[in-house]
Amino acid sequence: MTASDKTIRSCPDFAKDFRINRSGDQRWMYNTPDMRALESPVTGMEQRGIGAVITRDPQVCQQSMTIDIKITGNQVYKVPLYFVDWDKKDQRTAIEVFDLESKELLLPVYMVRNYEEGKYVSYTFNQSVRLRINHVWGHNAALSGIFFD
């Protein structure tokens, strides 16, 4: 899934459910030559566009969003996340990974820093998870792409 004006949402067969909770949408550019923008996966649409799902700061209790990925079985899968600080405002974001059912923290908190030029953070799982994306510094937390591999 990419966050742009026309969100493309396609999940693999093993993903039983995929939800983004407590987020807003931000659209920056429809068609740009900027290499930080994601290239459309649609055949015949070679243009780049960029947007994001965002936390709704500074609203009270809206400094984080969650992404629930529920899978069937014990399928091993990768989830690369793409962050870009499009406006180059020195944003900081923290990622927490939880077991979807028990809500037990599975990994140490990961700080995403210096992503003005774009940065991928990739995880490998074999279970259903909840990713919590937290605003740490800057206007908000912005996630521009979620991929399954």
Protein backbone atom coordinates (compact mmCIF):
# COMPACT_ATOMS: atom_id res chain seq x y z
CA MET A 1 0.00 0.00 0.00
CA THR A 2 1.27 3.46 -0.74
CA ALA A 3 -0.10 6.63 0.70
CA SER A 4 -0.70 8.99 -2.18
CA ASP A 5 -3.69 10.66 -3.78
CA LYS A 6 -4.90 7.33 -5.14
CA THR A 7 -4.08 4.84 -2.41
CA ILE A 8 -3.30 1.43 -3.84
CA ARG A 9 -4.18 -1.31 -1.44
CA SER A 10 -3.26 -4.87 -2.25
CA CYS A 11 -2.52 -7.46 0.40
CA PRO A 12 -1.07 -10.93 -0.06
CA ASP A 13 -3.36 -13.94 0.33
CA PHE A 14 -1.98 -14.83 3.77
CA ALA A 15 -2.96 -11.42 5.18
CA LYS A 16 -6.39 -12.05 6.63
CA ASP A 17 -6.91 -8.45 7.70
CA PHE A 18 -5.00 -5.18 7.41
CA ARG A 19 -6.06 -2.00 9.21
CA ILE A 20 -4.59 1.43 9.81
CA ASN A 21 -6.11 3.02 12.90
CA ARG A 22 -6.16 6.58 14.26
CA SER A 23 -4.53 8.17 11.24
CA GLY A 24 -5.11 11.05 8.90
CA ASP A 25 -4.08 11.49 5.28
CA GLN A 26 -1.57 13.91 3.79
CA ARG A 27 -1.09 14.40 0.05
CA TRP A 28 1.96 16.30 -1.13
CA MET A 29 2.51 15.76 -4.87
CA TYR A 30 0.60 14.03 -7.68
CA ASN A 31 3.35 13.89 -10.25
CA THR A 32 6.91 14.81 -9.40
CA PRO A 33 10.37 13.88 -10.64
CA ASP A 34 11.61 13.91 -7.01
CA MET A 35 13.23 10.51 -6.34
CA ARG A 36 11.89 10.50 -2.77
CA ALA A 37 8.38 10.03 -4.17
CA LEU A 38 7.18 6.48 -4.79
CA GLU A 39 6.78 5.18 -8.31
CA SER A 40 3.32 3.91 -9.17
CA PRO A 41 3.09 0.10 -9.40
CA VAL A 42 0.26 0.42 -11.93
CA THR A 43 1.29 -0.56 -15.46
CA GLY A 44 1.29 2.48 -17.71
CA MET A 45 1.49 4.93 -14.79
CA GLU A 46 5.22 5.54 -14.48
CA GLN A 47 4.75 8.82 -12.62
CA ARG A 48 5.87 9.38 -9.05
CA GLY A 49 3.54 10.64 -6.32
CA ILE A 50 3.85 11.09 -2.60
CA GLY A 51 1.59 11.32 0.37
CA ALA A 52 1.36 9.71 3.78
CA VAL A 53 -0.81 8.36 6.51
CA ILE A 54 -0.10 10.64 9.44
CA THR A 55 -0.67 11.07 13.13
CA ARG A 56 -3.14 13.84 13.85
CA ASP A 57 -0.94 16.01 16.02
CA PRO A 58 -1.38 18.24 17.89
CA GLN A 59 -4.79 16.78 18.77
CA VAL A 60 -4.86 15.29 22.25
CA CYS A 61 -4.13 11.53 22.27
CA GLN A 62 -3.51 11.50 18.52
CA GLN A 63 0.29 11.34 18.55
CA SER A 64 0.34 7.71 17.43
CA MET A 65 -1.33 5.46 14.88
CA THR A 66 -1.47 1.69 14.67
CA ILE A 67 -1.25 -0.77 11.82
CA ASP A 68 -2.75 -4.20 12.46
CA ILE A 69 -1.63 -7.06 10.23
CA LYS A 70 -3.56 -10.27 10.88
CA ILE A 71 -2.29 -13.32 9.03
CA THR A 72 -3.37 -16.92 8.62
CA GLY A 73 -0.94 -19.64 9.72
CA ASN A 74 2.74 -19.04 10.45
CA GLN A 75 3.68 -17.52 7.10
CA VAL A 76 7.08 -15.76 7.17
CA TYR A 77 6.73 -12.33 5.57
CA LYS A 78 8.58 -9.04 5.33
CA VAL A 79 7.04 -5.62 5.92
CA PRO A 80 9.17 -2.73 4.63
CA LEU A 81 7.92 0.68 5.78
CA TYR A 82 8.85 3.83 3.86
CA PHE A 83 9.23 7.13 5.68
CA VAL A 84 9.98 10.49 4.09
CA ASP A 85 10.17 13.90 5.73
CA TRP A 86 8.87 15.59 2.57
CA ASP A 87 9.02 19.13 3.92
CA LYS A 88 12.45 18.52 5.50
CA LYS A 89 11.30 19.67 8.94
CA ASP A 90 13.61 17.39 10.93
CA GLN A 91 10.89 14.93 11.94
CA ARG A 92 11.47 12.00 14.30
CA THR A 93 9.32 8.89 14.53
CA ALA A 94 9.36 5.82 16.79
CA ILE A 95 8.15 2.36 15.81
CA GLU A 96 6.93 -0.21 18.32
CA VAL A 97 6.04 -3.80 17.36
CA PHE A 98 3.49 -5.82 19.35
CA ASP A 99 1.90 -9.24 19.12
CA LEU A 100 -1.55 -8.45 17.72
CA GLU A 101 -3.46 -10.67 20.16
CA SER A 102 -1.54 -10.35 23.44
CA LYS A 103 -0.24 -6.78 22.81
CA GLU A 104 3.14 -7.94 24.17
CA LEU A 105 6.05 -5.82 22.94
CA LEU A 106 8.09 -8.02 20.55
CA LEU A 107 11.05 -5.81 19.64
CA PRO A 108 12.92 -2.82 21.06
CA VAL A 109 11.55 0.59 20.07
CA TYR A 110 13.17 1.79 16.84
CA MET A 111 13.77 5.50 16.28
CA VAL A 112 13.53 6.69 12.67
CA ARG A 113 15.78 9.73 12.26
CA ASN A 114 17.16 11.74 9.36
CA TYR A 115 14.65 10.60 6.77
CA GLU A 116 14.51 13.80 4.74
CA GLU A 117 15.74 11.82 1.69
CA GLY A 118 13.50 8.84 2.48
CA LYS A 119 14.25 5.78 4.58
CA TYR A 120 13.06 2.19 4.59
CA VAL A 121 12.67 0.22 7.82
CA SER A 122 12.07 -3.48 7.23
CA TYR A 123 10.79 -6.19 9.55
CA THR A 124 10.36 -9.95 9.15
CA PHE A 125 7.50 -11.65 11.00
CA ASN A 126 5.76 -15.03 11.19
CA GLN A 127 2.76 -13.91 13.24
CA SER A 128 0.04 -11.28 13.39
CA VAL A 129 1.41 -7.94 14.60
CA ARG A 130 0.46 -4.42 15.57
CA LEU A 131 2.88 -1.69 14.52
CA ARG A 132 2.55 1.52 16.49
CA ILE A 133 3.97 4.60 14.76
CA ASN A 134 4.62 7.42 17.24
CA HIS A 135 5.23 11.10 16.71
CA VAL A 136 8.42 12.09 18.55
CA TRP A 137 9.60 15.35 17.00
CA GLY A 138 8.32 17.67 14.28
CA HIS A 139 4.77 18.32 13.13
CA ASN A 140 3.62 14.67 13.07
CA ALA A 141 4.66 11.13 12.17
CA ALA A 142 4.20 10.37 8.49
CA LEU A 143 4.37 6.93 6.85
CA SER A 144 4.46 7.04 3.04
CA GLY A 145 4.48 3.35 2.15
CA ILE A 146 3.80 -0.11 3.54
CA PHE A 147 4.86 -3.09 1.46
CA PHE A 148 4.61 -6.87 1.77
CA ASP A 149 7.43 -9.04 0.49
